[in-house]
N, C-alpha and C. Protein backbone atom coordinates (compact mmCIF):
# COMPACT_ATOMS: atom_id res chain seq x y z
N MET A 1 -19.85 -9.15 -9.39
CA MET A 1 -18.61 -9.70 -8.86
C MET A 1 -17.82 -8.56 -8.24
N GLU A 2 -17.46 -8.73 -6.97
CA GLU A 2 -16.70 -7.71 -6.26
C GLU A 2 -15.27 -7.66 -6.79
N LYS A 3 -14.74 -6.46 -6.92
CA LYS A 3 -13.35 -6.28 -7.34
C LYS A 3 -12.55 -5.77 -6.17
N ILE A 4 -11.38 -6.38 -5.95
CA ILE A 4 -10.51 -6.01 -4.84
C ILE A 4 -9.11 -5.76 -5.37
N ILE A 5 -8.58 -4.57 -5.12
CA ILE A 5 -7.20 -4.24 -5.47
C ILE A 5 -6.36 -4.55 -4.24
N LEU A 6 -5.45 -5.52 -4.36
CA LEU A 6 -4.66 -6.01 -3.24
C LEU A 6 -3.20 -5.64 -3.44
N TYR A 7 -2.64 -4.82 -2.52
CA TYR A 7 -1.24 -4.42 -2.58
C TYR A 7 -0.42 -5.35 -1.69
N VAL A 8 0.66 -5.91 -2.26
CA VAL A 8 1.48 -6.91 -1.59
C VAL A 8 2.96 -6.59 -1.79
N ASP A 9 3.77 -6.73 -0.73
CA ASP A 9 5.22 -6.61 -0.89
C ASP A 9 5.96 -7.81 -0.31
N ASP A 10 5.26 -8.67 0.42
CA ASP A 10 5.85 -9.87 1.01
C ASP A 10 4.81 -10.98 0.93
N PRO A 11 5.05 -12.02 0.13
CA PRO A 11 4.04 -13.06 -0.06
C PRO A 11 3.66 -13.79 1.23
N GLY A 12 4.62 -14.04 2.12
CA GLY A 12 4.32 -14.72 3.38
C GLY A 12 3.36 -13.91 4.25
N HIS A 13 3.65 -12.63 4.38
CA HIS A 13 2.79 -11.75 5.16
C HIS A 13 1.41 -11.64 4.51
N ALA A 14 1.38 -11.58 3.18
CA ALA A 14 0.11 -11.46 2.46
C ALA A 14 -0.76 -12.71 2.66
N ARG A 15 -0.14 -13.90 2.68
CA ARG A 15 -0.90 -15.13 2.92
C ARG A 15 -1.57 -15.09 4.29
N GLU A 16 -0.81 -14.69 5.32
CA GLU A 16 -1.37 -14.57 6.66
C GLU A 16 -2.49 -13.54 6.69
N PHE A 17 -2.28 -12.42 6.03
CA PHE A 17 -3.27 -11.35 5.97
C PHE A 17 -4.55 -11.86 5.32
N LEU A 18 -4.42 -12.57 4.19
CA LEU A 18 -5.59 -13.08 3.47
C LEU A 18 -6.33 -14.13 4.28
N GLU A 19 -5.60 -14.97 5.03
CA GLU A 19 -6.25 -15.97 5.87
C GLU A 19 -7.06 -15.29 6.98
N ARG A 20 -6.49 -14.24 7.59
CA ARG A 20 -7.24 -13.48 8.61
C ARG A 20 -8.45 -12.79 7.99
N MET A 21 -8.28 -12.27 6.79
CA MET A 21 -9.37 -11.58 6.10
C MET A 21 -10.50 -12.57 5.78
N ALA A 22 -10.14 -13.77 5.32
CA ALA A 22 -11.14 -14.78 4.99
C ALA A 22 -11.88 -15.24 6.25
N ALA A 23 -11.16 -15.33 7.38
CA ALA A 23 -11.79 -15.75 8.63
C ALA A 23 -12.76 -14.68 9.14
N SER A 24 -12.41 -13.41 8.97
CA SER A 24 -13.27 -12.34 9.48
C SER A 24 -14.45 -12.06 8.55
N GLU A 25 -14.26 -12.28 7.26
CA GLU A 25 -15.32 -12.05 6.28
C GLU A 25 -15.74 -13.40 5.71
N ALA A 26 -16.76 -13.98 6.26
CA ALA A 26 -17.19 -15.31 5.81
C ALA A 26 -17.74 -15.28 4.39
N ASP A 27 -18.15 -14.10 3.92
CA ASP A 27 -18.79 -13.99 2.62
C ASP A 27 -17.87 -13.36 1.58
N VAL A 28 -16.59 -13.79 1.52
CA VAL A 28 -15.68 -13.24 0.52
C VAL A 28 -16.11 -13.75 -0.86
N GLY A 29 -16.31 -15.07 -1.00
CA GLY A 29 -16.85 -15.65 -2.22
C GLY A 29 -15.99 -15.41 -3.45
N VAL A 30 -16.64 -15.48 -4.61
CA VAL A 30 -15.95 -15.30 -5.88
C VAL A 30 -15.81 -13.80 -6.15
N CYS A 31 -14.61 -13.39 -6.47
CA CYS A 31 -14.37 -11.98 -6.76
C CYS A 31 -13.25 -11.86 -7.78
N HIS A 32 -12.99 -10.66 -8.21
CA HIS A 32 -11.90 -10.37 -9.14
C HIS A 32 -10.81 -9.66 -8.35
N TRP A 33 -9.67 -10.33 -8.18
CA TRP A 33 -8.54 -9.76 -7.46
C TRP A 33 -7.62 -9.06 -8.46
N VAL A 34 -7.21 -7.86 -8.15
CA VAL A 34 -6.16 -7.17 -8.90
C VAL A 34 -4.96 -7.18 -7.96
N LEU A 35 -4.04 -8.11 -8.20
CA LEU A 35 -2.88 -8.31 -7.35
C LEU A 35 -1.77 -7.35 -7.78
N VAL A 36 -1.48 -6.36 -6.94
CA VAL A 36 -0.44 -5.38 -7.24
C VAL A 36 0.77 -5.71 -6.37
N ALA A 37 1.84 -6.17 -7.01
CA ALA A 37 3.07 -6.54 -6.30
C ALA A 37 4.01 -5.35 -6.27
N CYS A 38 4.42 -4.97 -5.06
CA CYS A 38 5.32 -3.83 -4.85
C CYS A 38 6.70 -4.39 -4.51
N ALA A 39 7.57 -4.46 -5.49
CA ALA A 39 8.90 -5.04 -5.27
C ALA A 39 9.71 -4.18 -4.30
N PRO A 40 10.54 -4.81 -3.45
CA PRO A 40 11.38 -4.04 -2.53
C PRO A 40 12.33 -3.12 -3.30
N ARG A 41 12.59 -1.98 -2.72
CA ARG A 41 13.52 -1.04 -3.36
C ARG A 41 14.95 -1.49 -3.12
N MET A 42 15.78 -1.23 -4.11
CA MET A 42 17.21 -1.50 -3.95
C MET A 42 17.86 -0.26 -3.35
N THR A 43 18.83 -0.48 -2.50
CA THR A 43 19.51 0.65 -1.88
C THR A 43 20.35 1.39 -2.92
N HIS A 44 20.73 2.59 -2.57
CA HIS A 44 21.55 3.41 -3.46
C HIS A 44 22.89 2.72 -3.74
N ARG A 45 23.45 2.09 -2.74
CA ARG A 45 24.75 1.44 -2.91
C ARG A 45 24.66 0.28 -3.91
N ILE A 46 23.60 -0.50 -3.83
CA ILE A 46 23.46 -1.62 -4.77
C ILE A 46 23.21 -1.09 -6.18
N SER A 47 22.38 -0.06 -6.28
CA SER A 47 22.01 0.42 -7.61
C SER A 47 23.20 1.00 -8.38
N LYS A 48 24.27 1.39 -7.67
CA LYS A 48 25.47 1.89 -8.37
C LYS A 48 26.17 0.75 -9.10
N TRP A 49 26.06 -0.48 -8.59
CA TRP A 49 26.81 -1.59 -9.15
C TRP A 49 25.99 -2.50 -10.04
N VAL A 50 24.69 -2.29 -10.11
CA VAL A 50 23.81 -3.17 -10.88
C VAL A 50 23.18 -2.37 -12.02
N SER A 51 23.20 -2.93 -13.20
CA SER A 51 22.63 -2.23 -14.35
C SER A 51 21.11 -2.20 -14.27
N HIS A 52 20.52 -1.31 -15.06
CA HIS A 52 19.07 -1.18 -15.09
C HIS A 52 18.41 -2.48 -15.54
N SER A 53 18.97 -3.11 -16.56
CA SER A 53 18.39 -4.36 -17.06
C SER A 53 18.48 -5.48 -16.02
N ALA A 54 19.57 -5.50 -15.24
CA ALA A 54 19.70 -6.51 -14.19
C ALA A 54 18.67 -6.26 -13.09
N ARG A 55 18.43 -4.99 -12.76
CA ARG A 55 17.40 -4.67 -11.76
C ARG A 55 16.02 -5.09 -12.24
N GLU A 56 15.70 -4.79 -13.50
CA GLU A 56 14.40 -5.16 -14.06
C GLU A 56 14.26 -6.68 -14.12
N ASN A 57 15.34 -7.38 -14.44
CA ASN A 57 15.33 -8.85 -14.46
C ASN A 57 15.04 -9.39 -13.06
N TRP A 58 15.69 -8.81 -12.04
CA TRP A 58 15.46 -9.23 -10.66
C TRP A 58 14.01 -8.98 -10.26
N ARG A 59 13.47 -7.80 -10.63
CA ARG A 59 12.07 -7.47 -10.31
C ARG A 59 11.12 -8.47 -10.97
N GLY A 60 11.42 -8.87 -12.20
CA GLY A 60 10.59 -9.85 -12.90
C GLY A 60 10.61 -11.21 -12.20
N LYS A 61 11.79 -11.65 -11.76
CA LYS A 61 11.89 -12.92 -11.04
C LYS A 61 11.16 -12.84 -9.70
N TRP A 62 11.30 -11.73 -9.00
CA TRP A 62 10.60 -11.55 -7.72
C TRP A 62 9.09 -11.59 -7.94
N PHE A 63 8.62 -10.93 -8.99
CA PHE A 63 7.19 -10.90 -9.32
C PHE A 63 6.67 -12.31 -9.63
N ALA A 64 7.47 -13.11 -10.34
CA ALA A 64 7.08 -14.48 -10.66
C ALA A 64 6.94 -15.32 -9.38
N LYS A 65 7.84 -15.12 -8.41
CA LYS A 65 7.76 -15.85 -7.14
C LYS A 65 6.52 -15.45 -6.35
N VAL A 66 6.20 -14.16 -6.36
CA VAL A 66 5.00 -13.68 -5.67
C VAL A 66 3.76 -14.32 -6.28
N GLN A 67 3.69 -14.34 -7.60
CA GLN A 67 2.55 -14.94 -8.27
C GLN A 67 2.45 -16.43 -7.96
N GLU A 68 3.58 -17.12 -7.97
CA GLU A 68 3.61 -18.56 -7.69
C GLU A 68 3.05 -18.86 -6.31
N GLN A 69 3.32 -17.99 -5.35
CA GLN A 69 2.88 -18.24 -3.98
C GLN A 69 1.44 -17.78 -3.71
N LEU A 70 0.99 -16.73 -4.39
CA LEU A 70 -0.31 -16.16 -4.05
C LEU A 70 -1.45 -16.51 -5.01
N LEU A 71 -1.15 -16.78 -6.28
CA LEU A 71 -2.22 -17.06 -7.23
C LEU A 71 -3.08 -18.26 -6.83
N PRO A 72 -2.50 -19.39 -6.38
CA PRO A 72 -3.36 -20.52 -5.99
C PRO A 72 -4.32 -20.14 -4.85
N LEU A 73 -3.86 -19.35 -3.91
CA LEU A 73 -4.70 -18.93 -2.79
C LEU A 73 -5.83 -18.01 -3.27
N LEU A 74 -5.50 -17.08 -4.15
CA LEU A 74 -6.50 -16.12 -4.63
C LEU A 74 -7.49 -16.74 -5.61
N GLN A 75 -7.08 -17.76 -6.33
CA GLN A 75 -7.95 -18.38 -7.34
C GLN A 75 -8.89 -19.43 -6.77
N GLN A 76 -8.83 -19.64 -5.46
CA GLN A 76 -9.77 -20.57 -4.85
C GLN A 76 -11.19 -20.09 -5.10
N GLN A 77 -12.11 -20.99 -5.17
CA GLN A 77 -13.53 -20.71 -5.38
C GLN A 77 -13.80 -20.04 -6.72
N GLY A 78 -12.87 -20.19 -7.66
CA GLY A 78 -13.10 -19.68 -9.01
C GLY A 78 -12.90 -18.18 -9.19
N SER A 79 -12.20 -17.54 -8.28
CA SER A 79 -11.95 -16.11 -8.42
C SER A 79 -10.97 -15.83 -9.55
N GLN A 80 -11.12 -14.67 -10.17
CA GLN A 80 -10.24 -14.24 -11.25
C GLN A 80 -9.16 -13.35 -10.66
N VAL A 81 -7.92 -13.47 -11.18
CA VAL A 81 -6.79 -12.67 -10.67
C VAL A 81 -6.10 -11.98 -11.84
N THR A 82 -5.85 -10.68 -11.68
CA THR A 82 -5.07 -9.91 -12.63
C THR A 82 -3.81 -9.43 -11.93
N PRO A 83 -2.64 -10.05 -12.20
CA PRO A 83 -1.41 -9.61 -11.53
C PRO A 83 -0.78 -8.40 -12.22
N ILE A 84 -0.26 -7.47 -11.40
CA ILE A 84 0.39 -6.26 -11.90
C ILE A 84 1.62 -6.00 -11.06
N LEU A 85 2.72 -5.64 -11.70
CA LEU A 85 3.94 -5.23 -11.00
C LEU A 85 3.92 -3.71 -10.90
N ALA A 86 3.91 -3.19 -9.67
CA ALA A 86 3.80 -1.75 -9.44
C ALA A 86 5.07 -1.03 -9.88
N LYS A 87 4.86 0.08 -10.55
CA LYS A 87 5.94 0.99 -10.93
C LYS A 87 5.41 2.40 -10.72
N GLY A 88 6.17 3.23 -10.06
CA GLY A 88 5.75 4.61 -9.83
C GLY A 88 4.93 4.75 -8.57
N PRO A 89 4.39 5.96 -8.34
CA PRO A 89 3.61 6.23 -7.12
C PRO A 89 2.35 5.36 -7.05
N LEU A 90 2.09 4.80 -5.88
CA LEU A 90 0.97 3.88 -5.71
C LEU A 90 -0.38 4.59 -5.75
N THR A 91 -0.45 5.86 -5.32
CA THR A 91 -1.72 6.58 -5.37
C THR A 91 -2.18 6.77 -6.81
N GLU A 92 -1.23 7.07 -7.71
CA GLU A 92 -1.58 7.23 -9.12
C GLU A 92 -1.99 5.90 -9.73
N LEU A 93 -1.31 4.82 -9.33
CA LEU A 93 -1.67 3.49 -9.82
C LEU A 93 -3.07 3.11 -9.36
N THR A 94 -3.40 3.43 -8.11
CA THR A 94 -4.74 3.13 -7.58
C THR A 94 -5.80 3.88 -8.37
N LYS A 95 -5.56 5.16 -8.65
CA LYS A 95 -6.51 5.95 -9.45
C LYS A 95 -6.72 5.32 -10.82
N ARG A 96 -5.61 4.93 -11.46
CA ARG A 96 -5.69 4.34 -12.80
C ARG A 96 -6.45 3.01 -12.76
N LEU A 97 -6.18 2.20 -11.74
CA LEU A 97 -6.85 0.90 -11.63
C LEU A 97 -8.34 1.07 -11.35
N LYS A 98 -8.70 2.07 -10.55
CA LYS A 98 -10.12 2.30 -10.27
C LYS A 98 -10.85 2.79 -11.53
N LEU A 99 -10.17 3.59 -12.35
CA LEU A 99 -10.78 4.00 -13.61
C LEU A 99 -10.94 2.81 -14.55
N GLU A 100 -9.95 1.94 -14.56
CA GLU A 100 -9.95 0.78 -15.46
C GLU A 100 -10.94 -0.29 -15.02
N HIS A 101 -11.03 -0.55 -13.72
CA HIS A 101 -11.85 -1.65 -13.21
C HIS A 101 -13.15 -1.19 -12.56
N GLY A 102 -13.40 0.09 -12.51
CA GLY A 102 -14.62 0.58 -11.87
C GLY A 102 -14.48 0.60 -10.36
N THR A 103 -15.59 0.52 -9.68
CA THR A 103 -15.59 0.56 -8.22
C THR A 103 -14.89 -0.68 -7.68
N ALA A 104 -13.86 -0.47 -6.91
CA ALA A 104 -13.09 -1.58 -6.35
C ALA A 104 -12.66 -1.22 -4.94
N ARG A 105 -12.62 -2.23 -4.09
CA ARG A 105 -12.13 -2.05 -2.72
C ARG A 105 -10.61 -2.16 -2.74
N VAL A 106 -9.93 -1.27 -2.03
CA VAL A 106 -8.47 -1.28 -1.97
C VAL A 106 -8.05 -1.90 -0.63
N VAL A 107 -7.21 -2.96 -0.72
CA VAL A 107 -6.72 -3.64 0.48
C VAL A 107 -5.20 -3.57 0.47
N ASP A 108 -4.63 -3.04 1.55
CA ASP A 108 -3.17 -2.91 1.67
C ASP A 108 -2.66 -4.05 2.56
N ALA A 109 -2.05 -5.07 1.93
CA ALA A 109 -1.51 -6.22 2.67
C ALA A 109 0.00 -6.18 2.72
N ARG A 110 0.58 -4.97 2.60
CA ARG A 110 2.03 -4.86 2.67
C ARG A 110 2.50 -5.03 4.11
N ARG A 111 3.69 -5.58 4.27
CA ARG A 111 4.26 -5.78 5.61
C ARG A 111 4.66 -4.43 6.20
N PRO A 112 4.16 -4.11 7.41
CA PRO A 112 4.60 -2.87 8.04
C PRO A 112 6.06 -2.97 8.45
N LYS A 113 6.78 -1.88 8.31
CA LYS A 113 8.21 -1.86 8.63
C LYS A 113 8.43 -0.88 9.78
N VAL A 114 9.26 -1.27 10.74
CA VAL A 114 9.54 -0.43 11.90
C VAL A 114 10.36 0.78 11.47
N GLY A 115 9.88 1.95 11.83
CA GLY A 115 10.61 3.18 11.55
C GLY A 115 10.47 3.69 10.12
N VAL A 116 9.66 3.02 9.31
CA VAL A 116 9.49 3.43 7.92
C VAL A 116 8.00 3.60 7.65
N ASP A 117 7.61 4.77 7.15
CA ASP A 117 6.23 4.99 6.76
C ASP A 117 6.04 4.45 5.36
N LEU A 118 5.07 3.55 5.18
CA LEU A 118 4.79 3.00 3.87
C LEU A 118 4.11 4.06 3.01
N GLU A 119 4.41 4.03 1.72
CA GLU A 119 3.77 4.95 0.79
C GLU A 119 2.28 4.67 0.77
N PRO A 120 1.43 5.70 0.85
CA PRO A 120 -0.01 5.44 0.82
C PRO A 120 -0.43 4.86 -0.53
N VAL A 121 -1.45 4.00 -0.50
CA VAL A 121 -1.92 3.38 -1.73
C VAL A 121 -3.10 4.12 -2.33
N ALA A 122 -3.74 4.97 -1.55
CA ALA A 122 -4.87 5.75 -2.04
C ALA A 122 -4.79 7.15 -1.44
N PRO A 123 -5.27 8.15 -2.17
CA PRO A 123 -5.27 9.50 -1.60
C PRO A 123 -6.13 9.52 -0.35
N ASP A 124 -5.66 10.21 0.67
CA ASP A 124 -6.34 10.24 1.96
C ASP A 124 -7.22 11.48 2.01
N PRO A 125 -8.53 11.31 1.79
CA PRO A 125 -9.41 12.48 1.83
C PRO A 125 -9.58 12.97 3.27
N ALA A 126 -9.77 14.27 3.41
CA ALA A 126 -9.99 14.85 4.74
C ALA A 126 -11.38 14.43 5.23
N PRO A 127 -11.52 14.10 6.52
CA PRO A 127 -12.84 13.75 7.05
C PRO A 127 -13.80 14.93 6.88
N PRO A 128 -15.09 14.67 6.68
CA PRO A 128 -16.04 15.77 6.47
C PRO A 128 -16.09 16.70 7.69
N GLY A 129 -16.16 17.99 7.42
CA GLY A 129 -16.24 18.98 8.50
C GLY A 129 -14.89 19.29 9.12
N GLN A 130 -13.81 18.79 8.55
CA GLN A 130 -12.49 19.03 9.09
C GLN A 130 -11.61 19.60 7.98
N SER A 131 -10.71 20.50 8.36
CA SER A 131 -9.84 21.09 7.34
C SER A 131 -8.78 20.07 6.92
N SER A 132 -8.18 20.28 5.78
CA SER A 132 -7.21 19.33 5.24
C SER A 132 -5.80 19.57 5.77
N TRP A 133 -5.61 20.55 6.65
CA TRP A 133 -4.27 20.78 7.21
C TRP A 133 -4.37 20.85 8.73
N ALA A 134 -3.27 20.59 9.38
CA ALA A 134 -3.23 20.62 10.84
C ALA A 134 -1.88 21.16 11.28
N LEU A 135 -1.85 21.83 12.42
CA LEU A 135 -0.60 22.34 12.96
C LEU A 135 0.07 21.26 13.80
N PRO A 136 1.36 21.07 13.65
CA PRO A 136 2.05 20.11 14.50
C PRO A 136 1.98 20.51 15.96
N GLY A 137 1.96 19.54 16.85
CA GLY A 137 1.85 19.79 18.28
C GLY A 137 2.97 20.66 18.82
N ALA A 138 4.18 20.50 18.31
CA ALA A 138 5.32 21.29 18.78
C ALA A 138 5.11 22.77 18.47
N LEU A 139 4.54 23.06 17.30
CA LEU A 139 4.29 24.45 16.91
C LEU A 139 3.23 25.07 17.81
N LEU A 140 2.17 24.32 18.11
CA LEU A 140 1.14 24.82 19.01
C LEU A 140 1.69 25.04 20.41
N GLY A 141 2.52 24.11 20.88
CA GLY A 141 3.14 24.25 22.21
C GLY A 141 4.04 25.47 22.28
N MET A 142 4.82 25.71 21.22
CA MET A 142 5.71 26.87 21.18
C MET A 142 4.90 28.16 21.20
N GLY A 143 3.78 28.19 20.48
CA GLY A 143 2.92 29.37 20.47
C GLY A 143 2.35 29.64 21.85
N ALA A 144 1.90 28.58 22.53
CA ALA A 144 1.36 28.74 23.88
C ALA A 144 2.43 29.24 24.84
N LEU A 145 3.65 28.72 24.70
CA LEU A 145 4.76 29.14 25.55
C LEU A 145 5.08 30.62 25.32
N LEU A 146 5.09 31.07 24.08
CA LEU A 146 5.36 32.49 23.78
C LEU A 146 4.27 33.39 24.33
N MET A 147 3.01 32.92 24.23
CA MET A 147 1.91 33.73 24.79
C MET A 147 2.04 33.83 26.31
N LEU A 148 2.39 32.73 26.94
CA LEU A 148 2.57 32.72 28.39
C LEU A 148 3.73 33.63 28.81
N ALA A 149 4.83 33.59 28.05
CA ALA A 149 5.98 34.45 28.34
C ALA A 149 5.59 35.90 28.18
N GLY A 150 4.78 36.23 27.19
CA GLY A 150 4.33 37.60 26.97
C GLY A 150 3.44 38.07 28.09
N GLU A 151 2.58 37.21 28.61
CA GLU A 151 1.69 37.53 29.73
C GLU A 151 2.51 37.82 31.00
N MET A 152 3.55 37.04 31.24
CA MET A 152 4.35 37.17 32.46
C MET A 152 5.19 38.44 32.42
N SER A 153 5.63 38.90 31.24
CA SER A 153 6.49 40.07 31.16
C SER A 153 5.68 41.36 31.35
N ASP A 154 4.38 41.32 31.14
CA ASP A 154 3.56 42.53 31.29
C ASP A 154 3.35 42.91 32.71
């Protein structure tokens, strides 16, 4: 049975994502879904006025709504679902889940946000034969400009 770790932050977007995934992969079949719900962050201004217990209560209600909307879709064809509410860095959670569930495919169905880089869900290994660091283009351009200026002054 294939295991799939599915990261979700918006149930509507996740439903559309799963429908596209099912259409592209005709052989999804019965699998074990690990549904990881990533609750939206509260802004600093809100968190000053809301207690920790009220925030946790809100996260619990949000998690229940996500499960209500996605569990029937994921449980089709007899698939098993393990729902989890994400807390902490997602890369560490992915490592822990892979240790717990063995080899699993990681699927990121979170809604992309304009101007915001989403937290990675898995560590990004460097491609083989390539170093793990890179110089920004501006730094390379500045170096080339300085070399050119040095050539012209000679």
